[in-house]
Amino acid sequence: MRVGAVDCGTNSIRLLISEVGAEGALTDVHREMRVVRLGEGVDATGRFADAAIERTRTALSDYVDMMVAQGVSAVRMVATSATRDAANREEFFAMTAELLGRVVPGSVAEVISGDEEARLSFTGAVGELDAAGGPFVVVDLGGGSTEFVLGDHGGVTAARSVNIGCVRLTERCLHSDPPTDAEIAAAQSVIAEAVAEATDVVPVQTARSWIGVAGTMTTLAALGQGLTEYDPERIHLSRIGIDELSEVCWRLVRMTRAERAALGPMHPGRVDVIGGGSLVTLASVELMRAGGVQELIVSEHDILDGIAMSLLGA
C-alpha cells in the first residue's frame, strides 16, 4: 500500500509518497518541494492572486501524476496559514478537488487549524528522537505562520500557532535590499508580540530539546555546516549551537538578495524571505537560551510525515 501526503503552505507545496510496511511503518518513496508562493499578497489583500493559484495548480498537477504512477491508494492534502486567511479560498478548493480526484475519487484539500498543524508537525518531527531527550519543543517556521509545540512521545501537551512567518514578515516589514535597521526593528516588534502570545500558552522553558522544522530551519542548518549544496541526509537530525545559529541568522538578515542567492544551499524561492525567517529564529534562540537549551536539532521530517501517519490512524 502506498499513501500520499501533500502540504500546501504559504510559500511552498510539498509531496511525500510513502510505502506502508509491516506494522504500519512508513518508508519514503518520493519526497519533493516546490516554491509556488500561494500566499503572495494575502497578508495585505486577504485574497489569493490568480497567478498564485495557477502556480499551485501546475505543481499539484505534477504531484498527482506522480501519485497515480506510484499507485497511491490514499491521499490527504492539507492547506495552512494563507488558506486560512484567504477570502476566495473556494477557488483553491475547486482546483484541488478536480486534481486530487484523479488519485482517489472524492478527495479534497482541507484547511487545518493552527493547532492541528502544530500536532501534525510535532508527530512528524519527534518520531525518530530518543524519548530521553524530551520534553521537546518543536518550532515549525512557515511562510505565513509559526507553530510552537511542546510534548514528548506520549503526545502534545501545549501548542500555539501565531501569524509570523518568513513571507508574511517580509511583505509586511522588510522592503529594502538589504533591510534597513528601522525595518528590522519593525519586524522584531511584530515577532515579539506574536512570541509572547505563544509563550502564554506553551511553556517552552520546560523543554530539554529544541527541534526546528521547515525550509528556513533546514537552510540555516546547511549554512551552519558550510555545505556547498543542499544535502537532506547531512541536514536531517544535525545539531547547531545557538551562538553559531545566531551568527548565521544575522549574516543572512544583513545580506542583499544577490548575496543570498549566491549561497550554494539556498533555494531560489527562499532568497527574498529567509531574512524574515532568520529574525523569527533569532527570537526563538533567546527563548531557548533562557530555558538552558544550547543547541537546535534540525529535522527534515515534519508535517508531511505527520500527514502520512494520519492516513494510518496515527
C-alpha atoms as a PDB file:
ATOM      1  CA  MET A   1       0.000   0.000   0.000  1.00  0.00           C
ATOM      2  CA  ARG A   2       1.218   3.494  -0.812  1.00  0.00           C
ATOM      3  CA  VAL A   3      -0.084   6.750   0.650  1.00  0.00           C
ATOM      4  CA  GLY A   4       0.327  10.342  -0.494  1.00  0.00           C
ATOM      5  CA  ALA A   5       0.665  13.418   1.704  1.00  0.00           C
ATOM      6  CA  VAL A   6       0.536  16.973   0.351  1.00  0.00           C
ATOM      7  CA  ASP A   7       1.261  20.070   2.439  1.00  0.00           C
ATOM      8  CA  CYS A   8       0.312  23.383   0.837  1.00  0.00           C
ATOM      9  CA  GLY A   9       1.699  26.297   2.800  1.00  0.00           C
ATOM     10  CA  THR A  10       2.160  29.994   2.205  1.00  0.00           C
ATOM     11  CA  ASN A  11       5.477  29.630   0.371  1.00  0.00           C
ATOM     12  CA  SER A  12       5.759  26.028  -0.826  1.00  0.00           C
ATOM     13  CA  ILE A  13       3.784  22.940  -1.762  1.00  0.00           C
ATOM     14  CA  ARG A  14       5.325  19.606  -0.827  1.00  0.00           C
ATOM     15  CA  LEU A  15       4.665  15.960  -1.598  1.00  0.00           C
ATOM     16  CA  LEU A  16       5.507  12.762   0.259  1.00  0.00           C
ATOM     17  CA  ILE A  17       4.717   9.332  -1.162  1.00  0.00           C
ATOM     18  CA  SER A  18       5.265   6.579   1.405  1.00  0.00           C
ATOM     19  CA  GLU A  19       5.200   2.787   1.310  1.00  0.00           C
ATOM     20  CA  VAL A  20       3.300   1.217   4.200  1.00  0.00           C
ATOM     21  CA  GLY A  21       5.265  -1.726   5.542  1.00  0.00           C
ATOM     22  CA  ALA A  22       4.917  -4.207   8.360  1.00  0.00           C
ATOM     23  CA  GLU A  23       3.137  -2.896  11.457  1.00  0.00           C
ATOM     24  CA  GLY A  24       2.376   0.377   9.705  1.00  0.00           C
ATOM     25  CA  ALA A  25       5.987   1.503   9.275  1.00  0.00           C
ATOM     26  CA  LEU A  26       6.398   4.153   6.562  1.00  0.00           C
ATOM     27  CA  THR A  27       9.262   4.277   4.078  1.00  0.00           C
ATOM     28  CA  ASP A  28       9.843   7.207   1.748  1.00  0.00           C
ATOM     29  CA  VAL A  29       9.228   6.532  -1.920  1.00  0.00           C
ATOM     30  CA  HIS A  30       9.368  10.135  -3.106  1.00  0.00           C
ATOM     31  CA  ARG A  31       9.707  13.498  -1.352  1.00  0.00           C
ATOM     32  CA  GLU A  32       9.585  16.830  -3.194  1.00  0.00           C
ATOM     33  CA  MET A  33       9.192  20.543  -2.553  1.00  0.00           C
ATOM     34  CA  ARG A  34       8.326  23.389  -4.922  1.00  0.00           C
ATOM     35  CA  VAL A  35       8.064  27.072  -4.085  1.00  0.00           C
ATOM     36  CA  VAL A  36       4.782  28.415  -5.502  1.00  0.00           C
ATOM     37  CA  ARG A  37       4.207  31.370  -3.117  1.00  0.00           C
ATOM     38  CA  LEU A  38       0.475  30.649  -2.816  1.00  0.00           C
ATOM     39  CA  GLY A  39       0.242  33.267  -0.083  1.00  0.00           C
ATOM     40  CA  GLU A  40       1.731  36.084  -2.144  1.00  0.00           C
ATOM     41  CA  GLY A  41      -0.056  39.278  -1.113  1.00  0.00           C
ATOM     42  CA  VAL A  42      -2.622  37.530   1.107  1.00  0.00           C
ATOM     43  CA  ASP A  43      -1.483  39.384   4.239  1.00  0.00           C
ATOM     44  CA  ALA A  44      -2.293  42.704   2.548  1.00  0.00           C
ATOM     45  CA  THR A  45      -5.284  41.825   0.348  1.00  0.00           C
ATOM     46  CA  GLY A  46      -6.938  38.900   2.121  1.00  0.00           C
ATOM     47  CA  ARG A  47      -7.222  37.083  -1.220  1.00  0.00           C
ATOM     48  CA  PHE A  48      -5.278  34.609  -3.340  1.00  0.00           C
ATOM     49  CA  ALA A  49      -3.849  36.104  -6.523  1.00  0.00           C
ATOM     50  CA  ASP A  50      -4.908  34.350  -9.730  1.00  0.00           C
ATOM     51  CA  ALA A  51      -1.262  33.801 -10.653  1.00  0.00           C
ATOM     52  CA  ALA A  52      -0.550  32.179  -7.282  1.00  0.00           C
ATOM     53  CA  ILE A  53      -3.420  29.714  -7.697  1.00  0.00           C
ATOM     54  CA  GLU A  54      -2.177  28.895 -11.190  1.00  0.00           C
ATOM     55  CA  ARG A  55       1.376  28.238  -9.957  1.00  0.00           C
ATOM     56  CA  THR A  56      -0.056  25.925  -7.323  1.00  0.00           C
ATOM     57  CA  ARG A  57      -2.238  24.159  -9.906  1.00  0.00           C
ATOM     58  CA  THR A  58       0.801  23.422 -12.074  1.00  0.00           C
ATOM     59  CA  ALA A  59       2.779  21.917  -9.205  1.00  0.00           C
ATOM     60  CA  LEU A  60      -0.158  19.921  -7.819  1.00  0.00           C
ATOM     61  CA  SER A  61      -0.967  18.532 -11.272  1.00  0.00           C
ATOM     62  CA  ASP A  62       2.564  17.157 -11.486  1.00  0.00           C
ATOM     63  CA  TYR A  63       2.262  15.705  -7.970  1.00  0.00           C
ATOM     64  CA  VAL A  64      -0.994  13.995  -8.920  1.00  0.00           C
ATOM     65  CA  ASP A  65       0.681  12.443 -11.967  1.00  0.00           C
ATOM     66  CA  MET A  66       3.399  11.059  -9.674  1.00  0.00           C
ATOM     67  CA  MET A  67       0.899   9.658  -7.176  1.00  0.00           C
ATOM     68  CA  VAL A  68      -1.099   7.951  -9.910  1.00  0.00           C
ATOM     69  CA  ALA A  69       2.071   6.470 -11.423  1.00  0.00           C
ATOM     70  CA  GLN A  70       3.197   5.219  -7.996  1.00  0.00           C
ATOM     71  CA  GLY A  71      -0.121   3.543  -7.237  1.00  0.00           C
ATOM     72  CA  VAL A  72      -1.109   5.728  -4.279  1.00  0.00           C
ATOM     73  CA  SER A  73      -4.366   4.410  -2.782  1.00  0.00           C
ATOM     74  CA  ALA A  74      -4.951   7.008  -0.043  1.00  0.00           C
ATOM     75  CA  VAL A  75      -4.176  10.709  -0.120  1.00  0.00           C
ATOM     76  CA  ARG A  76      -4.503  13.638   2.249  1.00  0.00           C
ATOM     77  CA  MET A  77      -3.784  17.249   1.318  1.00  0.00           C
ATOM     78  CA  VAL A  78      -3.766  19.979   3.934  1.00  0.00           C
ATOM     79  CA  ALA A  79      -3.572  23.747   3.500  1.00  0.00           C
ATOM     80  CA  THR A  80      -2.398  26.042   6.232  1.00  0.00           C
ATOM     81  CA  SER A  81      -1.866  29.721   7.053  1.00  0.00           C
ATOM     82  CA  ALA A  82      -2.509  31.501   3.742  1.00  0.00           C
ATOM     83  CA  THR A  83      -5.598  29.434   3.013  1.00  0.00           C
ATOM     84  CA  ARG A  84      -6.990  30.114   6.479  1.00  0.00           C
ATOM     85  CA  ASP A  85      -6.762  33.836   5.667  1.00  0.00           C
ATOM     86  CA  ALA A  86      -7.927  33.966   2.028  1.00  0.00           C
ATOM     87  CA  ALA A  87     -11.481  35.125   1.329  1.00  0.00           C
ATOM     88  CA  ASN A  88     -11.533  33.429  -2.096  1.00  0.00           C
ATOM     89  CA  ARG A  89     -10.281  30.057  -0.919  1.00  0.00           C
ATOM     90  CA  GLU A  90     -13.197  28.254  -2.592  1.00  0.00           C
ATOM     91  CA  GLU A  91     -11.402  28.801  -5.909  1.00  0.00           C
ATOM     92  CA  PHE A  92      -8.437  26.949  -4.431  1.00  0.00           C
ATOM     93  CA  PHE A  93     -10.648  24.118  -3.155  1.00  0.00           C
ATOM     94  CA  ALA A  94     -12.311  23.659  -6.532  1.00  0.00           C
ATOM     95  CA  MET A  95      -8.926  23.371  -8.218  1.00  0.00           C
ATOM     96  CA  THR A  96      -7.574  20.851  -5.697  1.00  0.00           C
ATOM     97  CA  ALA A  97     -10.729  18.707  -5.794  1.00  0.00           C
ATOM     98  CA  GLU A  98     -10.509  18.485  -9.576  1.00  0.00           C
ATOM     99  CA  LEU A  99      -6.893  17.302  -9.432  1.00  0.00           C
ATOM    100  CA  LEU A 100      -6.911  15.100  -6.310  1.00  0.00           C
ATOM    101  CA  GLY A 101      -9.958  13.224  -7.605  1.00  0.00           C
ATOM    102  CA  ARG A 102      -7.641  11.643 -10.168  1.00  0.00           C
ATOM    103  CA  VAL A 103      -5.797   9.901  -7.335  1.00  0.00           C
ATOM    104  CA  VAL A 104      -8.748   8.870  -5.159  1.00  0.00           C
ATOM    105  CA  PRO A 105     -12.255   9.931  -6.275  1.00  0.00           C
ATOM    106  CA  GLY A 106     -13.838  12.384  -3.856  1.00  0.00           C
ATOM    107  CA  SER A 107     -10.533  13.567  -2.377  1.00  0.00           C
ATOM    108  CA  VAL A 108     -10.379  17.241  -1.480  1.00  0.00           C
ATOM    109  CA  ALA A 109      -7.900  19.522   0.211  1.00  0.00           C
ATOM    110  CA  GLU A 110      -8.696  20.580   3.760  1.00  0.00           C
ATOM    111  CA  VAL A 111      -7.789  23.685   5.701  1.00  0.00           C
ATOM    112  CA  ILE A 112      -6.475  22.708   9.090  1.00  0.00           C
ATOM    113  CA  SER A 113      -6.363  24.847  12.202  1.00  0.00           C
ATOM    114  CA  GLY A 114      -3.110  26.118  13.618  1.00  0.00           C
ATOM    115  CA  ASP A 115      -3.450  23.624  16.479  1.00  0.00           C
ATOM    116  CA  GLU A 116      -3.867  20.699  14.076  1.00  0.00           C
ATOM    117  CA  GLU A 117      -0.904  21.954  12.033  1.00  0.00           C
ATOM    118  CA  ALA A 118       1.150  22.027  15.214  1.00  0.00           C
ATOM    119  CA  ARG A 119       0.139  18.490  16.201  1.00  0.00           C
ATOM    120  CA  LEU A 120       0.961  17.038  12.789  1.00  0.00           C
ATOM    121  CA  SER A 121       4.326  18.811  12.684  1.00  0.00           C
ATOM    122  CA  PHE A 122       5.221  17.556  16.150  1.00  0.00           C
ATOM    123  CA  THR A 123       4.268  13.967  15.296  1.00  0.00           C
ATOM    124  CA  GLY A 124       6.443  14.024  12.186  1.00  0.00           C
ATOM    125  CA  ALA A 125       9.401  15.749  13.830  1.00  0.00           C
ATOM    126  CA  VAL A 126       9.975  13.733  17.015  1.00  0.00           C
ATOM    127  CA  GLY A 127       9.299  10.176  15.840  1.00  0.00           C
ATOM    128  CA  GLU A 128      12.986   9.306  15.406  1.00  0.00           C
ATOM    129  CA  LEU A 129      14.253  11.046  18.545  1.00  0.00           C
ATOM    130  CA  ASP A 130      15.214   9.296  21.771  1.00  0.00           C
ATOM    131  CA  ALA A 131      12.495   9.751  24.382  1.00  0.00           C
ATOM    132  CA  ALA A 132      15.188  10.637  26.925  1.00  0.00           C
ATOM    133  CA  GLY A 133      15.637  13.948  25.112  1.00  0.00           C
ATOM    134  CA  GLY A 134      12.112  15.031  25.973  1.00  0.00           C
ATOM    135  CA  PRO A 135      10.188  17.108  26.636  1.00  0.00           C
ATOM    136  CA  PHE A 136      10.673  18.502  23.141  1.00  0.00           C
ATOM    137  CA  VAL A 137       9.672  21.899  21.798  1.00  0.00           C
ATOM    138  CA  VAL A 138       9.131  21.873  18.038  1.00  0.00           C
ATOM    139  CA  VAL A 139       9.201  25.168  16.139  1.00  0.00           C
ATOM    140  CA  ASP A 140       7.669  24.880  12.664  1.00  0.00           C
ATOM    141  CA  LEU A 141       8.597  28.125  10.925  1.00  0.00           C
ATOM    142  CA  GLY A 142       6.495  28.526   7.799  1.00  0.00           C
ATOM    143  CA  GLY A 143       5.702  31.221   5.287  1.00  0.00           C
ATOM    144  CA  GLY A 144       2.611  32.608   6.975  1.00  0.00           C
ATOM    145  CA  SER A 145       2.646  31.199  10.488  1.00  0.00           C
ATOM    146  CA  THR A 146       4.927  29.612  13.066  1.00  0.00           C
ATOM    147  CA  GLU A 147       3.900  26.812  15.391  1.00  0.00           C
ATOM    148  CA  PHE A 148       5.367  26.334  18.875  1.00  0.00           C
ATOM    149  CA  VAL A 149       4.623  22.838  20.179  1.00  0.00           C
ATOM    150  CA  LEU A 150       5.637  21.162  23.442  1.00  0.00           C
ATOM    151  CA  GLY A 151       5.346  17.459  24.174  1.00  0.00           C
ATOM    152  CA  ASP A 152       7.016  14.087  24.296  1.00  0.00           C
ATOM    153  CA  HIS A 153       6.499  10.670  22.758  1.00  0.00           C
ATOM    154  CA  GLY A 154       3.210  10.463  24.607  1.00  0.00           C
ATOM    155  CA  GLY A 155       1.839  13.378  22.596  1.00  0.00           C
ATOM    156  CA  VAL A 156       1.432  17.138  22.568  1.00  0.00           C
ATOM    157  CA  THR A 157       0.955  18.911  25.890  1.00  0.00           C
ATOM    158  CA  ALA A 158       0.731  22.523  24.615  1.00  0.00           C
ATOM    159  CA  ALA A 159       0.680  24.191  21.194  1.00  0.00           C
ATOM    160  CA  ARG A 160       0.140  27.599  19.669  1.00  0.00           C
ATOM    161  CA  SER A 161       0.167  28.821  16.080  1.00  0.00           C
ATOM    162  CA  VAL A 162       0.915  32.522  15.559  1.00  0.00           C
ATOM    163  CA  ASN A 163       0.832  34.663  12.427  1.00  0.00           C
ATOM    164  CA  ILE A 164       4.528  35.253  11.928  1.00  0.00           C
ATOM    165  CA  GLY A 165       6.262  33.579   9.010  1.00  0.00           C
ATOM    166  CA  CYS A 166       9.000  34.408   6.545  1.00  0.00           C
ATOM    167  CA  VAL A 167       6.681  35.524   3.731  1.00  0.00           C
ATOM    168  CA  ARG A 168       4.240  37.441   5.947  1.00  0.00           C
ATOM    169  CA  LEU A 169       7.052  39.305   7.761  1.00  0.00           C
ATOM    170  CA  THR A 170       8.895  40.144   4.554  1.00  0.00           C
ATOM    171  CA  GLU A 171       5.786  41.537   2.864  1.00  0.00           C
ATOM    172  CA  ARG A 172       4.791  43.487   5.955  1.00  0.00           C
ATOM    173  CA  CYS A 173       8.135  44.882   7.144  1.00  0.00           C
ATOM    174  CA  LEU A 174      11.264  44.030   5.133  1.00  0.00           C
ATOM    175  CA  HIS A 175      11.016  46.011   1.906  1.00  0.00           C
ATOM    176  CA  SER A 176      14.576  47.221   1.294  1.00  0.00           C
ATOM    177  CA  ASP A 177      17.522  45.246  -0.064  1.00  0.00           C
ATOM    178  CA  PRO A 178      19.118  44.725   2.376  1.00  0.00           C
ATOM    179  CA  PRO A 179      16.559  45.618   5.077  1.00  0.00           C
ATOM    180  CA  THR A 180      17.115  48.863   6.938  1.00  0.00           C
ATOM    181  CA  ASP A 181      17.597  48.986  10.704  1.00  0.00           C
ATOM    182  CA  ALA A 182      14.130  50.507  11.026  1.00  0.00           C
ATOM    183  CA  GLU A 183      12.559  47.678   9.010  1.00  0.00           C
ATOM    184  CA  ILE A 184      14.367  45.077  11.099  1.00  0.00           C
ATOM    185  CA  ALA A 185      13.172  46.764  14.292  1.00  0.00           C
ATOM    186  CA  ALA A 186       9.588  46.811  12.994  1.00  0.00           C
ATOM    187  CA  ALA A 187       9.775  43.100  12.190  1.00  0.00           C
ATOM    188  CA  GLN A 188      11.231  42.342  15.625  1.00  0.00           C
ATOM    189  CA  SER A 189       8.341  44.190  17.249  1.00  0.00           C
ATOM    190  CA  VAL A 190       5.803  42.089  15.324  1.00  0.00           C
ATOM    191  CA  ILE A 191       7.702  38.918  16.247  1.00  0.00           C
ATOM    192  CA  ALA A 192       7.952  39.830  19.941  1.00  0.00           C
ATOM    193  CA  GLU A 193       4.195  40.330  20.188  1.00  0.00           C
ATOM    194  CA  ALA A 194       3.493  37.000  18.491  1.00  0.00           C
ATOM    195  CA  VAL A 195       6.081  35.104  20.538  1.00  0.00           C
ATOM    196  CA  ALA A 196       4.574  36.483  23.748  1.00  0.00           C
ATOM    197  CA  GLU A 197       1.191  35.177  22.574  1.00  0.00           C
ATOM    198  CA  ALA A 198       2.724  31.726  22.005  1.00  0.00           C
ATOM    199  CA  THR A 199       4.614  31.521  25.290  1.00  0.00           C
ATOM    200  CA  ASP A 200       1.490  32.458  27.242  1.00  0.00           C
ATOM    201  CA  VAL A 201       0.236  29.014  26.202  1.00  0.00           C
ATOM    202  CA  VAL A 202       3.390  26.958  25.591  1.00  0.00           C
ATOM    203  CA  PRO A 203       5.930  26.801  28.474  1.00  0.00           C
ATOM    204  CA  VAL A 204       8.939  26.401  26.199  1.00  0.00           C
ATOM    205  CA  GLN A 205      11.359  26.838  29.110  1.00  0.00           C
ATOM    206  CA  THR A 206      10.415  23.335  30.346  1.00  0.00           C
ATOM    207  CA  ALA A 207      11.769  21.668  27.178  1.00  0.00           C
ATOM    208  CA  ARG A 208      15.026  19.744  27.209  1.00  0.00           C
ATOM    209  CA  SER A 209      15.411  19.707  23.401  1.00  0.00           C
ATOM    210  CA  TRP A 210      14.593  22.198  20.642  1.00  0.00           C
ATOM    211  CA  ILE A 211      13.618  20.829  17.236  1.00  0.00           C
ATOM    212  CA  GLY A 212      13.350  23.062  14.165  1.00  0.00           C
ATOM    213  CA  VAL A 213      11.480  22.056  11.013  1.00  0.00           C
ATOM    214  CA  ALA A 214      10.651  23.534   7.583  1.00  0.00           C
ATOM    215  CA  GLY A 215      12.738  25.292   4.959  1.00  0.00           C
ATOM    216  CA  THR A 216      14.140  28.229   6.905  1.00  0.00           C
ATOM    217  CA  MET A 217      15.470  25.957   9.636  1.00  0.00           C
ATOM    218  CA  THR A 218      16.923  23.345   7.288  1.00  0.00           C
ATOM    219  CA  THR A 219      18.621  26.030   5.183  1.00  0.00           C
ATOM    220  CA  LEU A 220      20.133  27.613   8.300  1.00  0.00           C
ATOM    221  CA  ALA A 221      21.489  24.197   9.281  1.00  0.00           C
ATOM    222  CA  ALA A 222      23.023  23.709   5.833  1.00  0.00           C
ATOM    223  CA  LEU A 223      24.715  27.105   6.004  1.00  0.00           C
ATOM    224  CA  GLY A 224      25.916  26.435   9.548  1.00  0.00           C
ATOM    225  CA  GLN A 225      27.614  23.268   8.305  1.00  0.00           C
ATOM    226  CA  GLY A 226      29.234  25.164   5.453  1.00  0.00           C
ATOM    227  CA  LEU A 227      27.596  22.932   2.829  1.00  0.00           C
ATOM    228  CA  THR A 228      28.138  23.949  -0.776  1.00  0.00           C
ATOM    229  CA  GLU A 229      24.806  22.422  -1.793  1.00  0.00           C
ATOM    230  CA  TYR A 230      21.622  21.352  -0.056  1.00  0.00           C
ATOM    231  CA  ASP A 231      22.043  17.785   1.264  1.00  0.00           C
ATOM    232  CA  PRO A 232      18.990  16.440   3.172  1.00  0.00           C
ATOM    233  CA  GLU A 233      20.903  13.451   4.562  1.00  0.00           C
ATOM    234  CA  ARG A 234      23.529  15.675   6.184  1.00  0.00           C
ATOM    235  CA  ILE A 235      20.923  18.143   7.416  1.00  0.00           C
ATOM    236  CA  HIS A 236      18.443  15.649   8.932  1.00  0.00           C
ATOM    237  CA  LEU A 237      18.889  15.464  12.722  1.00  0.00           C
ATOM    238  CA  SER A 238      22.010  17.639  12.566  1.00  0.00           C
ATOM    239  CA  ARG A 239      22.745  19.928  15.502  1.00  0.00           C
ATOM    240  CA  ILE A 240      23.904  23.531  15.600  1.00  0.00           C
ATOM    241  CA  GLY A 241      24.839  25.535  18.687  1.00  0.00           C
ATOM    242  CA  ILE A 242      22.641  28.545  19.356  1.00  0.00           C
ATOM    243  CA  ASP A 243      25.544  31.018  19.217  1.00  0.00           C
ATOM    244  CA  GLU A 244      26.598  29.757  15.797  1.00  0.00           C
ATOM    245  CA  LEU A 245      22.960  29.742  14.703  1.00  0.00           C
ATOM    246  CA  SER A 246      22.600  33.385  15.731  1.00  0.00           C
ATOM    247  CA  GLU A 247      25.660  34.324  13.669  1.00  0.00           C
ATOM    248  CA  VAL A 248      24.234  32.619  10.583  1.00  0.00           C
ATOM    249  CA  CYS A 249      20.872  34.333  11.059  1.00  0.00           C
ATOM    250  CA  TRP A 250      22.299  37.829  11.429  1.00  0.00           C
ATOM    251  CA  ARG A 251      24.539  37.319   8.407  1.00  0.00           C
ATOM    252  CA  LEU A 252      21.502  36.426   6.294  1.00  0.00           C
ATOM    253  CA  VAL A 253      19.430  39.336   7.601  1.00  0.00           C
ATOM    254  CA  ARG A 254      22.156  41.817   6.620  1.00  0.00           C
ATOM    255  CA  MET A 255      22.854  40.305   3.172  1.00  0.00           C
ATOM    256  CA  THR A 256      21.479  41.571  -0.103  1.00  0.00           C
ATOM    257  CA  ARG A 257      19.273  39.234  -2.098  1.00  0.00           C
ATOM    258  CA  ALA A 258      22.059  38.754  -4.631  1.00  0.00           C
ATOM    259  CA  GLU A 259      24.431  37.681  -1.852  1.00  0.00           C
ATOM    260  CA  ARG A 260      21.900  35.172  -0.505  1.00  0.00           C
ATOM    261  CA  ALA A 261      21.257  33.799  -3.997  1.00  0.00           C
ATOM    262  CA  ALA A 262      24.964  33.026  -4.350  1.00  0.00           C
ATOM    263  CA  LEU A 263      24.904  30.680  -1.332  1.00  0.00           C
ATOM    264  CA  GLY A 264      25.050  27.065  -2.520  1.00  0.00           C
ATOM    265  CA  PRO A 265      22.316  25.547  -0.275  1.00  0.00           C
ATOM    266  CA  MET A 266      19.880  28.441  -0.840  1.00  0.00           C
ATOM    267  CA  HIS A 267      16.718  27.556  -2.758  1.00  0.00           C
ATOM    268  CA  PRO A 268      15.819  30.389  -5.171  1.00  0.00           C
ATOM    269  CA  GLY A 269      12.331  30.573  -3.675  1.00  0.00           C
ATOM    270  CA  ARG A 270      13.759  31.411  -0.232  1.00  0.00           C
ATOM    271  CA  VAL A 271      16.189  34.151  -1.272  1.00  0.00           C
ATOM    272  CA  ASP A 272      13.815  37.057  -0.672  1.00  0.00           C
ATOM    273  CA  VAL A 273      12.149  35.778   2.515  1.00  0.00           C
ATOM    274  CA  ILE A 274      14.771  33.944   4.577  1.00  0.00           C
ATOM    275  CA  GLY A 275      15.755  37.182   6.315  1.00  0.00           C
ATOM    276  CA  GLY A 276      12.299  37.261   7.878  1.00  0.00           C
ATOM    277  CA  GLY A 277      12.622  33.606   8.845  1.00  0.00           C
ATOM    278  CA  SER A 278      16.022  34.309  10.373  1.00  0.00           C
ATOM    279  CA  LEU A 279      14.531  37.019  12.605  1.00  0.00           C
ATOM    280  CA  VAL A 280      11.884  34.591  13.895  1.00  0.00           C
ATOM    281  CA  THR A 281      14.649  32.060  14.544  1.00  0.00           C
ATOM    282  CA  LEU A 282      16.638  34.649  16.485  1.00  0.00           C
ATOM    283  CA  ALA A 283      13.642  35.294  18.747  1.00  0.00           C
ATOM    284  CA  SER A 284      13.344  31.540  19.288  1.00  0.00           C
ATOM    285  CA  VAL A 285      17.056  31.353  20.161  1.00  0.00           C
ATOM    286  CA  GLU A 286      16.529  33.788  23.031  1.00  0.00           C
ATOM    287  CA  LEU A 287      13.583  31.762  24.330  1.00  0.00           C
ATOM    288  CA  MET A 288      15.593  28.557  24.317  1.00  0.00           C
ATOM    289  CA  ARG A 289      18.698  30.199  25.776  1.00  0.00           C
ATOM    290  CA  ALA A 290      16.595  31.395  28.715  1.00  0.00           C
ATOM    291  CA  GLY A 291      15.485  27.806  29.288  1.00  0.00           C
ATOM    292  CA  GLY A 292      19.034  26.457  29.222  1.00  0.00           C
ATOM    293  CA  VAL A 293      18.885  24.779  25.795  1.00  0.00           C
ATOM    294  CA  GLN A 294      22.157  25.298  23.935  1.00  0.00           C
ATOM    295  CA  GLU A 295      21.530  23.775  20.504  1.00  0.00           C
ATOM    296  CA  LEU A 296      18.989  23.337  17.754  1.00  0.00           C
ATOM    297  CA  ILE A 297      18.234  19.910  16.288  1.00  0.00           C
ATOM    298  CA  VAL A 298      17.035  20.232  12.696  1.00  0.00           C
ATOM    299  CA  SER A 299      14.654  17.644  11.251  1.00  0.00           C
ATOM    300  CA  GLU A 300      13.766  17.066   7.608  1.00  0.00           C
ATOM    301  CA  HIS A 301      10.686  15.208   8.886  1.00  0.00           C
ATOM    302  CA  ASP A 302       7.761  17.417   9.745  1.00  0.00           C
ATOM    303  CA  ILE A 303       4.099  17.990   8.945  1.00  0.00           C
ATOM    304  CA  LEU A 304       4.335  15.885   5.762  1.00  0.00           C
ATOM    305  CA  ASP A 305       5.283  12.840   7.812  1.00  0.00           C
ATOM    306  CA  GLY A 306       2.542  13.631  10.299  1.00  0.00           C
ATOM    307  CA  ILE A 307       0.000  13.806   7.444  1.00  0.00           C
ATOM    308  CA  ALA A 308       1.142  10.444   6.089  1.00  0.00           C
ATOM    309  CA  MET A 309       0.921   8.889   9.554  1.00  0.00           C
ATOM    310  CA  SER A 310      -2.594  10.294   9.996  1.00  0.00           C
ATOM    311  CA  LEU A 311      -3.730   8.245   6.996  1.00  0.00           C
ATOM    312  CA  LEU A 312      -2.899   5.171   9.064  1.00  0.00           C
ATOM    313  CA  GLY A 313      -4.833   6.430  12.057  1.00  0.00           C
ATOM    314  CA  ALA A 314      -1.733   7.603  13.926  1.00  0.00           C
END
